[in-house]
Amino acid sequence: MNNRKPLVSVLMCSYNPNLNFLRESIQSVLDQSYKFLEIIFVNDGSTIDGLEDFIKSFNDNRIVFVNNTENKGLTKCLNQGLKYCHGEFIARMDDDDICMPLRIETQVNLMCEDDKINVLGTDTEVFGNESRYSHYVLADTREEQQVELFFKNVGLAHPTVMFRTDFLKKNNLSYDERYEKAQDYGLWVDCTYYDRLYCIDKVLLKYRTHSKQASQSSRDKQICAEKKIRINQLCRLGVNPTEKEVEMHQNLCNGNMIAMVNDFDAFAKWIKKLVKNNKKTNYLDRKAFKRKLKKYFFLVCINYIKTQNIIKFAELFIKNINTFILIA
């Protein structure tokens, strides 16, 4: 183990938690092999009785209880909690998950050994309503990760992540309060503007799934937030998209081949616009962006050939040859 013992702030926000799940979650942090830590527990206006007494019953002065008298929502609550964190590192944790005993120690050691690592997640074991292992494969460079996140929420498992506090402060990074959901996706987008994300190829957190997470309303809000994040990235690219362009971009991001095949001209025009605007703004690495768009373009072409008239495709391809030349 690394001889240096930096303080780790474990940030946990909670609203009307299942107390049995919460007990397991907090205890898994307190039982970590790495002891020099604090838990910043933010009660976000819970309506259940006795939550503060429940937290105090752990009788551990490493727990800091922050109480909101009204519900602010997770995004604002996380930013509020960040202000209470005194550690050199900040670890995220949800109120229903379970840390493996070596989680904090493993992450601290890696981040102390390599000061280039500013954001570090881990693999997870999913349990509860479903059972599986989640392995997170990230692109190798910051530029490639940034391009991947332009299209999809392919970052890290939020409750596994440890941040270097100075990295967040230096770059004025926090959770974007425009997003009620998918606030982690928004943060990965912002982080990769400055540095790449890292992930340990090891399960260090058990991620609980249960019925409270699975409501249709919650899924709809997640989809809506991800759409907003993509639109905001388009704005950074210098594109103020029309409703039709937003729809096309959503089709592209979600891999809706049927929609793109059926409107191939609009799809090709959209690809061309993305490349041209990125050339002006340099928001994304040009080579990495073109490589990604080329993959999308050829996938749609292949699907067109499979499902439509090949002669018609040849006509459309020739008509949109400038798009192909741009991404070649």
C-alpha atoms as a PDB file:
ATOM      1  CA  MET A   1       0.000   0.000   0.000  1.00  0.00           C
ATOM      2  CA  ASN A   2       1.174   3.523  -0.731  1.00  0.00           C
ATOM      3  CA  ASN A   3       2.798   5.105   2.345  1.00  0.00           C
ATOM      4  CA  ARG A   4       1.115   8.459   1.777  1.00  0.00           C
ATOM      5  CA  LYS A   5      -2.344   8.745   3.350  1.00  0.00           C
ATOM      6  CA  PRO A   6      -4.368  11.475   1.623  1.00  0.00           C
ATOM      7  CA  LEU A   7      -7.862  12.141   2.923  1.00  0.00           C
ATOM      8  CA  VAL A   8     -10.672  10.721   0.794  1.00  0.00           C
ATOM      9  CA  SER A   9     -14.124  12.327   0.864  1.00  0.00           C
ATOM     10  CA  VAL A  10     -16.880   9.840   0.031  1.00  0.00           C
ATOM     11  CA  LEU A  11     -19.883  11.759  -1.314  1.00  0.00           C
ATOM     12  CA  MET A  12     -23.317  10.208  -0.846  1.00  0.00           C
ATOM     13  CA  CYS A  13     -26.661  11.916  -1.514  1.00  0.00           C
ATOM     14  CA  SER A  14     -29.948  10.391  -0.412  1.00  0.00           C
ATOM     15  CA  TYR A  15     -33.691  10.955  -0.672  1.00  0.00           C
ATOM     16  CA  ASN A  16     -36.109   8.654   1.167  1.00  0.00           C
ATOM     17  CA  PRO A  17     -33.661   5.738   1.182  1.00  0.00           C
ATOM     18  CA  ASN A  18     -34.364   2.108   1.992  1.00  0.00           C
ATOM     19  CA  LEU A  19     -32.722   1.999   5.423  1.00  0.00           C
ATOM     20  CA  ASN A  20     -31.591  -1.603   5.081  1.00  0.00           C
ATOM     21  CA  PHE A  21     -29.832  -0.782   1.805  1.00  0.00           C
ATOM     22  CA  LEU A  22     -28.427   2.424   3.311  1.00  0.00           C
ATOM     23  CA  ARG A  23     -27.037   0.573   6.325  1.00  0.00           C
ATOM     24  CA  GLU A  24     -25.178  -1.857   4.062  1.00  0.00           C
ATOM     25  CA  SER A  25     -23.903   0.965   1.887  1.00  0.00           C
ATOM     26  CA  ILE A  26     -22.530   3.129   4.702  1.00  0.00           C
ATOM     27  CA  GLN A  27     -21.090   0.149   6.560  1.00  0.00           C
ATOM     28  CA  SER A  28     -19.232  -0.965   3.429  1.00  0.00           C
ATOM     29  CA  VAL A  29     -17.499   2.437   3.366  1.00  0.00           C
ATOM     30  CA  LEU A  30     -16.705   2.470   7.072  1.00  0.00           C
ATOM     31  CA  ASP A  31     -15.260  -1.055   6.778  1.00  0.00           C
ATOM     32  CA  GLN A  32     -12.843  -0.111   4.002  1.00  0.00           C
ATOM     33  CA  SER A  33      -9.234  -1.238   4.399  1.00  0.00           C
ATOM     34  CA  TYR A  34      -8.350   2.428   3.809  1.00  0.00           C
ATOM     35  CA  LYS A  35      -9.434   4.260   6.962  1.00  0.00           C
ATOM     36  CA  PHE A  36      -8.442   7.884   6.347  1.00  0.00           C
ATOM     37  CA  LEU A  37     -11.749   8.977   4.891  1.00  0.00           C
ATOM     38  CA  GLU A  38     -14.850  11.015   5.573  1.00  0.00           C
ATOM     39  CA  ILE A  39     -18.407  10.384   4.413  1.00  0.00           C
ATOM     40  CA  ILE A  40     -20.293  13.477   3.298  1.00  0.00           C
ATOM     41  CA  PHE A  41     -23.903  12.341   3.607  1.00  0.00           C
ATOM     42  CA  VAL A  42     -26.415  14.808   2.159  1.00  0.00           C
ATOM     43  CA  ASN A  43     -30.036  14.184   3.118  1.00  0.00           C
ATOM     44  CA  ASP A  44     -31.966  15.779   0.270  1.00  0.00           C
ATOM     45  CA  GLY A  45     -35.187  16.654   2.099  1.00  0.00           C
ATOM     46  CA  SER A  46     -36.247  13.093   2.909  1.00  0.00           C
ATOM     47  CA  THR A  47     -39.757  12.766   4.320  1.00  0.00           C
ATOM     48  CA  ILE A  48     -39.077   9.613   6.343  1.00  0.00           C
ATOM     49  CA  ASP A  49     -38.699  10.093  10.094  1.00  0.00           C
ATOM     50  CA  GLY A  50     -35.504   9.572  12.041  1.00  0.00           C
ATOM     51  CA  LEU A  51     -32.945   9.615   9.225  1.00  0.00           C
ATOM     52  CA  GLU A  52     -30.505  11.838  11.118  1.00  0.00           C
ATOM     53  CA  ASP A  53     -30.736   9.590  14.184  1.00  0.00           C
ATOM     54  CA  PHE A  54     -30.197   6.587  11.929  1.00  0.00           C
ATOM     55  CA  ILE A  55     -26.973   8.130  10.585  1.00  0.00           C
ATOM     56  CA  LYS A  56     -25.829   9.086  14.085  1.00  0.00           C
ATOM     57  CA  SER A  57     -26.391   5.495  15.237  1.00  0.00           C
ATOM     58  CA  PHE A  58     -23.234   4.483  13.356  1.00  0.00           C
ATOM     59  CA  ASN A  59     -21.386   6.450  16.054  1.00  0.00           C
ATOM     60  CA  ASP A  60     -18.525   7.318  13.714  1.00  0.00           C
ATOM     61  CA  ASN A  61     -17.194  10.872  13.603  1.00  0.00           C
ATOM     62  CA  ARG A  62     -16.018  10.360  10.021  1.00  0.00           C
ATOM     63  CA  ILE A  63     -19.632  10.848   8.890  1.00  0.00           C
ATOM     64  CA  VAL A  64     -20.671  14.447   8.159  1.00  0.00           C
ATOM     65  CA  PHE A  65     -24.470  14.820   8.036  1.00  0.00           C
ATOM     66  CA  VAL A  66     -25.762  17.611   5.782  1.00  0.00           C
ATOM     67  CA  ASN A  67     -29.507  18.216   5.952  1.00  0.00           C
ATOM     68  CA  ASN A  68     -31.705  19.861   3.311  1.00  0.00           C
ATOM     69  CA  THR A  69     -35.126  20.842   4.598  1.00  0.00           C
ATOM     70  CA  GLU A  70     -36.558  20.492   1.084  1.00  0.00           C
ATOM     71  CA  ASN A  71     -35.750  18.275  -1.880  1.00  0.00           C
ATOM     72  CA  LYS A  72     -33.335  19.940  -4.337  1.00  0.00           C
ATOM     73  CA  GLY A  73     -32.813  17.012  -6.702  1.00  0.00           C
ATOM     74  CA  LEU A  74     -29.694  14.900  -7.139  1.00  0.00           C
ATOM     75  CA  THR A  75     -27.715  17.270  -9.367  1.00  0.00           C
ATOM     76  CA  LYS A  76     -27.913  20.253  -7.010  1.00  0.00           C
ATOM     77  CA  CYS A  77     -27.433  17.953  -4.050  1.00  0.00           C
ATOM     78  CA  LEU A  78     -24.183  16.581  -5.501  1.00  0.00           C
ATOM     79  CA  ASN A  79     -22.819  20.086  -6.075  1.00  0.00           C
ATOM     80  CA  GLN A  80     -23.805  21.023  -2.537  1.00  0.00           C
ATOM     81  CA  GLY A  81     -21.978  17.963  -1.220  1.00  0.00           C
ATOM     82  CA  LEU A  82     -18.833  18.792  -3.190  1.00  0.00           C
ATOM     83  CA  LYS A  83     -18.503  22.001  -1.164  1.00  0.00           C
ATOM     84  CA  TYR A  84     -18.265  19.959   2.048  1.00  0.00           C
ATOM     85  CA  CYS A  85     -15.546  17.632   0.730  1.00  0.00           C
ATOM     86  CA  HIS A  86     -12.125  18.292   2.260  1.00  0.00           C
ATOM     87  CA  GLY A  87     -10.282  15.328   0.770  1.00  0.00           C
ATOM     88  CA  GLU A  88      -7.508  15.277  -1.795  1.00  0.00           C
ATOM     89  CA  PHE A  89      -9.719  12.747  -3.548  1.00  0.00           C
ATOM     90  CA  ILE A  90     -13.509  12.565  -3.835  1.00  0.00           C
ATOM     91  CA  ALA A  91     -15.184   9.173  -4.198  1.00  0.00           C
ATOM     92  CA  ARG A  92     -18.802   8.858  -5.303  1.00  0.00           C
ATOM     93  CA  MET A  93     -21.114   6.385  -3.656  1.00  0.00           C
ATOM     94  CA  ASP A  94     -24.852   5.715  -3.910  1.00  0.00           C
ATOM     95  CA  ASP A  95     -27.077   4.965  -0.925  1.00  0.00           C
ATOM     96  CA  ASP A  96     -27.974   1.450  -2.082  1.00  0.00           C
ATOM     97  CA  ASP A  97     -24.677   0.077  -3.440  1.00  0.00           C
ATOM     98  CA  ILE A  98     -21.903  -1.805  -1.663  1.00  0.00           C
ATOM     99  CA  CYS A  99     -18.165  -1.098  -1.837  1.00  0.00           C
ATOM    100  CA  MET A 100     -15.764  -4.014  -1.955  1.00  0.00           C
ATOM    101  CA  PRO A 101     -13.384  -3.806   1.058  1.00  0.00           C
ATOM    102  CA  LEU A 102     -10.353  -2.765  -1.030  1.00  0.00           C
ATOM    103  CA  ARG A 103     -12.127  -0.251  -3.267  1.00  0.00           C
ATOM    104  CA  ILE A 104     -10.818   3.013  -1.769  1.00  0.00           C
ATOM    105  CA  GLU A 105      -7.331   1.650  -1.105  1.00  0.00           C
ATOM    106  CA  THR A 106      -6.975   0.391  -4.678  1.00  0.00           C
ATOM    107  CA  GLN A 107      -8.088   3.676  -6.227  1.00  0.00           C
ATOM    108  CA  VAL A 108      -5.981   5.836  -3.904  1.00  0.00           C
ATOM    109  CA  ASN A 109      -2.861   3.769  -4.572  1.00  0.00           C
ATOM    110  CA  LEU A 110      -3.235   4.048  -8.337  1.00  0.00           C
ATOM    111  CA  MET A 111      -3.918   7.784  -8.242  1.00  0.00           C
ATOM    112  CA  CYS A 112      -0.979   8.435  -5.913  1.00  0.00           C
ATOM    113  CA  GLU A 113       1.339   6.375  -8.112  1.00  0.00           C
ATOM    114  CA  ASP A 114       0.234   8.101 -11.321  1.00  0.00           C
ATOM    115  CA  ASP A 115      -0.623  11.777 -10.993  1.00  0.00           C
ATOM    116  CA  LYS A 116      -1.916  11.807 -14.580  1.00  0.00           C
ATOM    117  CA  ILE A 117      -5.024   9.916 -13.423  1.00  0.00           C
ATOM    118  CA  ASN A 118      -7.680  12.454 -12.454  1.00  0.00           C
ATOM    119  CA  VAL A 119     -10.905  10.466 -12.908  1.00  0.00           C
ATOM    120  CA  LEU A 120     -10.886   6.757 -12.078  1.00  0.00           C
ATOM    121  CA  GLY A 121     -13.756   4.266 -12.106  1.00  0.00           C
ATOM    122  CA  THR A 122     -14.013   0.511 -11.688  1.00  0.00           C
ATOM    123  CA  ASP A 123     -15.976  -2.434 -13.012  1.00  0.00           C
ATOM    124  CA  THR A 124     -19.132  -3.475 -11.148  1.00  0.00           C
ATOM    125  CA  GLU A 125     -21.062  -6.540 -10.095  1.00  0.00           C
ATOM    126  CA  VAL A 126     -24.784  -5.979 -10.653  1.00  0.00           C
ATOM    127  CA  PHE A 127     -27.078  -7.677  -8.138  1.00  0.00           C
ATOM    128  CA  GLY A 128     -30.677  -7.483  -6.938  1.00  0.00           C
ATOM    129  CA  ASN A 129     -33.311  -7.581  -9.683  1.00  0.00           C
ATOM    130  CA  GLU A 130     -30.668  -8.817 -12.119  1.00  0.00           C
ATOM    131  CA  SER A 131     -27.262 -10.436 -11.852  1.00  0.00           C
ATOM    132  CA  ARG A 132     -24.265  -9.747 -14.110  1.00  0.00           C
ATOM    133  CA  TYR A 133     -20.817  -8.197 -14.274  1.00  0.00           C
ATOM    134  CA  SER A 134     -20.346  -4.844 -16.010  1.00  0.00           C
ATOM    135  CA  HIS A 135     -16.968  -4.306 -17.644  1.00  0.00           C
ATOM    136  CA  TYR A 136     -16.259  -0.759 -18.809  1.00  0.00           C
ATOM    137  CA  VAL A 137     -14.139  -0.451 -21.936  1.00  0.00           C
ATOM    138  CA  LEU A 138     -12.948   3.083 -22.673  1.00  0.00           C
ATOM    139  CA  ALA A 139     -11.192   4.464 -25.727  1.00  0.00           C
ATOM    140  CA  ASP A 140      -7.434   4.856 -25.254  1.00  0.00           C
ATOM    141  CA  THR A 141      -7.119   8.624 -25.647  1.00  0.00           C
ATOM    142  CA  ARG A 142      -8.882  11.729 -24.390  1.00  0.00           C
ATOM    143  CA  GLU A 143      -9.699  12.720 -27.969  1.00  0.00           C
ATOM    144  CA  GLU A 144     -11.320   9.376 -28.789  1.00  0.00           C
ATOM    145  CA  GLN A 145     -13.270   9.346 -25.517  1.00  0.00           C
ATOM    146  CA  GLN A 146     -14.562  12.835 -26.239  1.00  0.00           C
ATOM    147  CA  VAL A 147     -15.782  11.710 -29.666  1.00  0.00           C
ATOM    148  CA  GLU A 148     -17.456   8.598 -28.200  1.00  0.00           C
ATOM    149  CA  LEU A 149     -19.263  10.750 -25.613  1.00  0.00           C
ATOM    150  CA  PHE A 150     -20.437  13.113 -28.348  1.00  0.00           C
ATOM    151  CA  PHE A 151     -22.709  10.309 -29.508  1.00  0.00           C
ATOM    152  CA  LYS A 152     -23.324   8.044 -26.509  1.00  0.00           C
ATOM    153  CA  ASN A 153     -23.253   7.866 -22.722  1.00  0.00           C
ATOM    154  CA  VAL A 154     -20.263   5.523 -22.601  1.00  0.00           C
ATOM    155  CA  GLY A 155     -18.379   6.810 -19.576  1.00  0.00           C
ATOM    156  CA  LEU A 156     -17.946   5.202 -16.171  1.00  0.00           C
ATOM    157  CA  ALA A 157     -20.223   3.722 -13.537  1.00  0.00           C
ATOM    158  CA  HIS A 158     -20.903   6.865 -11.514  1.00  0.00           C
ATOM    159  CA  PRO A 159     -20.872   5.331  -7.992  1.00  0.00           C
ATOM    160  CA  THR A 160     -17.451   3.752  -8.643  1.00  0.00           C
ATOM    161  CA  VAL A 161     -15.660   6.961  -9.557  1.00  0.00           C
ATOM    162  CA  MET A 162     -12.892   8.724  -7.658  1.00  0.00           C
ATOM    163  CA  PHE A 163     -11.899  12.267  -8.649  1.00  0.00           C
ATOM    164  CA  ARG A 164      -8.738  14.207  -7.947  1.00  0.00           C
ATOM    165  CA  THR A 165     -10.139  17.276  -6.184  1.00  0.00           C
ATOM    166  CA  ASP A 166      -7.565  19.683  -7.644  1.00  0.00           C
ATOM    167  CA  PHE A 167      -8.542  18.599 -11.163  1.00  0.00           C
ATOM    168  CA  LEU A 168     -12.177  19.522 -10.532  1.00  0.00           C
ATOM    169  CA  LYS A 169     -11.270  22.853  -8.932  1.00  0.00           C
ATOM    170  CA  LYS A 170      -8.635  23.865 -11.483  1.00  0.00           C
ATOM    171  CA  ASN A 171     -11.039  23.339 -14.364  1.00  0.00           C
ATOM    172  CA  ASN A 172     -14.129  24.617 -12.534  1.00  0.00           C
ATOM    173  CA  LEU A 173     -15.845  21.252 -13.001  1.00  0.00           C
ATOM    174  CA  SER A 174     -19.060  20.277 -11.254  1.00  0.00           C
ATOM    175  CA  TYR A 175     -22.411  18.733 -12.141  1.00  0.00           C
ATOM    176  CA  ASP A 176     -24.392  20.710 -14.721  1.00  0.00           C
ATOM    177  CA  GLU A 177     -27.639  21.723 -13.018  1.00  0.00           C
ATOM    178  CA  ARG A 178     -29.485  21.922 -16.328  1.00  0.00           C
ATOM    179  CA  TYR A 179     -29.705  18.130 -16.185  1.00  0.00           C
ATOM    180  CA  GLU A 180     -32.118  16.521 -13.741  1.00  0.00           C
ATOM    181  CA  LYS A 181     -30.864  13.085 -14.813  1.00  0.00           C
ATOM    182  CA  ALA A 182     -27.729  11.817 -16.600  1.00  0.00           C
ATOM    183  CA  GLN A 183     -25.676  14.342 -14.639  1.00  0.00           C
ATOM    184  CA  ASP A 184     -22.762  11.886 -14.715  1.00  0.00           C
ATOM    185  CA  TYR A 185     -22.864  11.802 -18.537  1.00  0.00           C
ATOM    186  CA  GLY A 186     -22.706  15.595 -18.569  1.00  0.00           C
ATOM    187  CA  LEU A 187     -19.709  15.521 -16.245  1.00  0.00           C
ATOM    188  CA  TRP A 188     -17.839  12.926 -18.357  1.00  0.00           C
ATOM    189  CA  VAL A 189     -18.341  15.186 -21.386  1.00  0.00           C
ATOM    190  CA  ASP A 190     -16.918  18.149 -19.464  1.00  0.00           C
ATOM    191  CA  CYS A 191     -14.033  16.148 -17.949  1.00  0.00           C
ATOM    192  CA  THR A 192     -12.855  14.804 -21.307  1.00  0.00           C
ATOM    193  CA  TYR A 193     -12.491  18.345 -22.588  1.00  0.00           C
ATOM    194  CA  TYR A 194      -9.446  18.471 -20.254  1.00  0.00           C
ATOM    195  CA  ASP A 195      -8.316  14.892 -19.664  1.00  0.00           C
ATOM    196  CA  ARG A 196      -9.182  11.268 -20.317  1.00  0.00           C
ATOM    197  CA  LEU A 197     -11.125   8.924 -18.052  1.00  0.00           C
ATOM    198  CA  TYR A 198      -9.571   5.778 -16.571  1.00  0.00           C
ATOM    199  CA  CYS A 199     -11.111   2.529 -15.365  1.00  0.00           C
ATOM    200  CA  ILE A 200      -9.714  -0.298 -13.237  1.00  0.00           C
ATOM    201  CA  ASP A 201     -10.312  -3.698 -14.797  1.00  0.00           C
ATOM    202  CA  LYS A 202     -11.574  -5.086 -11.503  1.00  0.00           C
ATOM    203  CA  VAL A 203     -14.934  -5.290  -9.728  1.00  0.00           C
ATOM    204  CA  LEU A 204     -14.734  -2.953  -6.727  1.00  0.00           C
ATOM    205  CA  LEU A 205     -18.420  -2.114  -6.286  1.00  0.00           C
ATOM    206  CA  LYS A 206     -21.651  -4.095  -6.116  1.00  0.00           C
ATOM    207  CA  TYR A 207     -24.348  -2.149  -7.969  1.00  0.00           C
ATOM    208  CA  ARG A 208     -27.821  -2.869  -6.651  1.00  0.00           C
ATOM    209  CA  THR A 209     -30.836  -2.951  -8.982  1.00  0.00           C
ATOM    210  CA  HIS A 210     -34.341  -2.710  -7.534  1.00  0.00           C
ATOM    211  CA  SER A 211     -37.881  -1.684  -8.468  1.00  0.00           C
ATOM    212  CA  LYS A 212     -37.530   1.922  -7.263  1.00  0.00           C
ATOM    213  CA  GLN A 213     -34.993   2.635 -10.037  1.00  0.00           C
ATOM    214  CA  ALA A 214     -37.009   1.178 -12.884  1.00  0.00           C
ATOM    215  CA  SER A 215     -39.992   3.523 -13.297  1.00  0.00           C
ATOM    216  CA  GLN A 216     -40.976   4.631 -16.796  1.00  0.00           C
ATOM    217  CA  SER A 217     -40.924   8.249 -15.626  1.00  0.00           C
ATOM    218  CA  SER A 218     -37.303   7.888 -14.519  1.00  0.00           C
ATOM    219  CA  ARG A 219     -36.295   6.301 -17.849  1.00  0.00           C
ATOM    220  CA  ASP A 220     -38.061   9.064 -19.794  1.00  0.00           C
ATOM    221  CA  LYS A 221     -36.230  11.748 -17.802  1.00  0.00           C
ATOM    222  CA  GLN A 222     -32.912   9.977 -18.421  1.00  0.00           C
ATOM    223  CA  ILE A 223     -33.537   9.889 -22.188  1.00  0.00           C
ATOM    224  CA  CYS A 224     -34.568  13.560 -22.171  1.00  0.00           C
ATOM    225  CA  ALA A 225     -31.428  14.591 -20.256  1.00  0.00           C
ATOM    226  CA  GLU A 226     -29.134  12.637 -22.574  1.00  0.00           C
ATOM    227  CA  LYS A 227     -30.781  14.373 -25.530  1.00  0.00           C
ATOM    228  CA  LYS A 228     -30.118  17.786 -23.920  1.00  0.00           C
ATOM    229  CA  ILE A 229     -26.472  16.866 -23.369  1.00  0.00           C
ATOM    230  CA  ARG A 230     -26.088  15.921 -27.030  1.00  0.00           C
ATOM    231  CA  ILE A 231     -27.737  19.158 -28.159  1.00  0.00           C
ATOM    232  CA  ASN A 232     -25.400  21.172 -25.925  1.00  0.00           C
ATOM    233  CA  GLN A 233     -22.437  19.389 -27.490  1.00  0.00           C
ATOM    234  CA  LEU A 234     -23.784  20.284 -30.933  1.00  0.00           C
ATOM    235  CA  CYS A 235     -23.852  23.917 -29.803  1.00  0.00           C
ATOM    236  CA  ARG A 236     -20.187  23.630 -28.781  1.00  0.00           C
ATOM    237  CA  LEU A 237     -19.568  22.324 -32.285  1.00  0.00           C
ATOM    238  CA  GLY A 238     -21.128  25.530 -33.585  1.00  0.00           C
ATOM    239  CA  VAL A 239     -24.388  23.904 -34.676  1.00  0.00           C
ATOM    240  CA  ASN A 240     -27.731  25.385 -33.680  1.00  0.00           C
ATOM    241  CA  PRO A 241     -29.822  22.399 -34.793  1.00  0.00           C
ATOM    242  CA  THR A 242     -33.341  22.509 -36.170  1.00  0.00           C
ATOM    243  CA  GLU A 243     -35.928  20.057 -34.819  1.00  0.00           C
ATOM    244  CA  LYS A 244     -35.399  17.849 -37.870  1.00  0.00           C
ATOM    245  CA  GLU A 245     -31.625  17.898 -37.334  1.00  0.00           C
ATOM    246  CA  VAL A 246     -32.053  16.993 -33.663  1.00  0.00           C
ATOM    247  CA  GLU A 247     -34.214  14.061 -34.741  1.00  0.00           C
ATOM    248  CA  MET A 248     -31.574  12.946 -37.253  1.00  0.00           C
ATOM    249  CA  HIS A 249     -28.825  13.270 -34.638  1.00  0.00           C
ATOM    250  CA  GLN A 250     -30.847  11.186 -32.181  1.00  0.00           C
ATOM    251  CA  ASN A 251     -31.275   8.550 -34.888  1.00  0.00           C
ATOM    252  CA  LEU A 252     -27.520   8.595 -35.446  1.00  0.00           C
ATOM    253  CA  CYS A 253     -26.676   8.351 -31.740  1.00  0.00           C
ATOM    254  CA  ASN A 254     -29.232   5.607 -31.094  1.00  0.00           C
ATOM    255  CA  GLY A 255     -28.324   3.596 -34.185  1.00  0.00           C
ATOM    256  CA  ASN A 256     -31.775   3.896 -35.755  1.00  0.00           C
ATOM    257  CA  MET A 257     -30.764   2.455 -39.114  1.00  0.00           C
ATOM    258  CA  ILE A 258     -34.274   2.351 -40.572  1.00  0.00           C
ATOM    259  CA  ALA A 259     -34.770   6.101 -40.119  1.00  0.00           C
ATOM    260  CA  MET A 260     -31.358   6.935 -41.598  1.00  0.00           C
ATOM    261  CA  VAL A 261     -31.786   4.581 -44.549  1.00  0.00           C
ATOM    262  CA  ASN A 262     -35.248   5.986 -45.256  1.00  0.00           C
ATOM    263  CA  ASP A 263     -33.883   9.539 -45.335  1.00  0.00           C
ATOM    264  CA  PHE A 264     -30.395   8.920 -46.695  1.00  0.00           C
ATOM    265  CA  ASP A 265     -30.072  12.378 -48.249  1.00  0.00           C
ATOM    266  CA  ALA A 266     -30.773  14.101 -44.927  1.00  0.00           C
ATOM    267  CA  PHE A 267     -28.404  11.702 -43.144  1.00  0.00           C
ATOM    268  CA  ALA A 268     -25.553  12.423 -45.574  1.00  0.00           C
ATOM    269  CA  LYS A 269     -26.231  16.154 -45.348  1.00  0.00           C
ATOM    270  CA  TRP A 270     -26.070  15.951 -41.535  1.00  0.00           C
ATOM    271  CA  ILE A 271     -22.740  14.106 -41.569  1.00  0.00           C
ATOM    272  CA  LYS A 272     -21.361  16.762 -43.910  1.00  0.00           C
ATOM    273  CA  LYS A 273     -22.556  19.567 -41.624  1.00  0.00           C
ATOM    274  CA  LEU A 274     -20.957  17.970 -38.554  1.00  0.00           C
ATOM    275  CA  VAL A 275     -17.578  17.664 -40.282  1.00  0.00           C
ATOM    276  CA  LYS A 276     -17.629  21.223 -41.626  1.00  0.00           C
ATOM    277  CA  ASN A 277     -18.610  22.764 -38.300  1.00  0.00           C
ATOM    278  CA  ASN A 278     -15.985  20.812 -36.401  1.00  0.00           C
ATOM    279  CA  LYS A 279     -13.392  22.075 -38.863  1.00  0.00           C
ATOM    280  CA  LYS A 280     -14.375  25.625 -37.865  1.00  0.00           C
ATOM    281  CA  THR A 281     -14.564  25.127 -34.099  1.00  0.00           C
ATOM    282  CA  ASN A 282     -12.015  22.335 -33.491  1.00  0.00           C
ATOM    283  CA  TYR A 283     -14.234  21.182 -30.632  1.00  0.00           C
ATOM    284  CA  LEU A 284     -13.385  17.546 -31.375  1.00  0.00           C
ATOM    285  CA  ASP A 285     -10.203  16.013 -32.711  1.00  0.00           C
ATOM    286  CA  ARG A 286     -10.689  16.077 -36.488  1.00  0.00           C
ATOM    287  CA  LYS A 287      -9.166  12.693 -37.268  1.00  0.00           C
ATOM    288  CA  ALA A 288     -10.960  10.861 -34.450  1.00  0.00           C
ATOM    289  CA  PHE A 289     -14.268  12.526 -35.354  1.00  0.00           C
ATOM    290  CA  LYS A 290     -13.945  11.647 -39.040  1.00  0.00           C
ATOM    291  CA  ARG A 291     -13.091   8.027 -38.197  1.00  0.00           C
ATOM    292  CA  LYS A 292     -16.245   7.730 -36.113  1.00  0.00           C
ATOM    293  CA  LEU A 293     -18.454   9.383 -38.730  1.00  0.00           C
ATOM    294  CA  LYS A 294     -16.973   7.163 -41.436  1.00  0.00           C
ATOM    295  CA  LYS A 295     -18.046   4.078 -39.448  1.00  0.00           C
ATOM    296  CA  TYR A 296     -21.577   5.433 -39.114  1.00  0.00           C
ATOM    297  CA  PHE A 297     -21.686   6.363 -42.804  1.00  0.00           C
ATOM    298  CA  PHE A 298     -20.624   2.913 -44.000  1.00  0.00           C
ATOM    299  CA  LEU A 299     -22.984   1.146 -41.578  1.00  0.00           C
ATOM    300  CA  VAL A 300     -25.899   3.087 -43.025  1.00  0.00           C
ATOM    301  CA  CYS A 301     -24.672   2.400 -46.566  1.00  0.00           C
ATOM    302  CA  ILE A 302     -24.464  -1.345 -45.874  1.00  0.00           C
ATOM    303  CA  ASN A 303     -27.942  -1.344 -44.341  1.00  0.00           C
ATOM    304  CA  TYR A 304     -29.275   0.564 -47.346  1.00  0.00           C
ATOM    305  CA  ILE A 305     -27.833  -2.006 -49.754  1.00  0.00           C
ATOM    306  CA  LYS A 306     -29.283  -4.863 -47.685  1.00  0.00           C
ATOM    307  CA  THR A 307     -32.783  -3.425 -47.461  1.00  0.00           C
ATOM    308  CA  GLN A 308     -33.223  -1.246 -50.553  1.00  0.00           C
ATOM    309  CA  ASN A 309     -32.554  -1.238 -54.287  1.00  0.00           C
ATOM    310  CA  ILE A 310     -28.799  -1.261 -54.984  1.00  0.00           C
ATOM    311  CA  ILE A 311     -29.243   0.837 -58.139  1.00  0.00           C
ATOM    312  CA  LYS A 312     -31.087   3.469 -56.114  1.00  0.00           C
ATOM    313  CA  PHE A 313     -28.260   3.369 -53.555  1.00  0.00           C
ATOM    314  CA  ALA A 314     -25.660   3.958 -56.275  1.00  0.00           C
ATOM    315  CA  GLU A 315     -27.586   7.026 -57.411  1.00  0.00           C
ATOM    316  CA  LEU A 316     -27.798   8.362 -53.845  1.00  0.00           C
ATOM    317  CA  PHE A 317     -24.125   7.635 -53.162  1.00  0.00           C
ATOM    318  CA  ILE A 318     -23.026   9.541 -56.259  1.00  0.00           C
ATOM    319  CA  LYS A 319     -25.363  12.383 -55.309  1.00  0.00           C
ATOM    320  CA  ASN A 320     -23.740  12.542 -51.842  1.00  0.00           C
ATOM    321  CA  ILE A 321     -20.178  11.832 -52.955  1.00  0.00           C
ATOM    322  CA  ASN A 322     -18.984  15.082 -51.340  1.00  0.00           C
ATOM    323  CA  THR A 323     -19.925  13.726 -47.918  1.00  0.00           C
ATOM    324  CA  PHE A 324     -17.849  10.605 -48.545  1.00  0.00           C
ATOM    325  CA  ILE A 325     -14.900  12.723 -49.700  1.00  0.00           C
ATOM    326  CA  LEU A 326     -15.128  14.843 -46.534  1.00  0.00           C
ATOM    327  CA  ILE A 327     -14.857  11.857 -44.186  1.00  0.00           C
ATOM    328  CA  ALA A 328     -12.464   9.761 -46.294  1.00  0.00           C
END
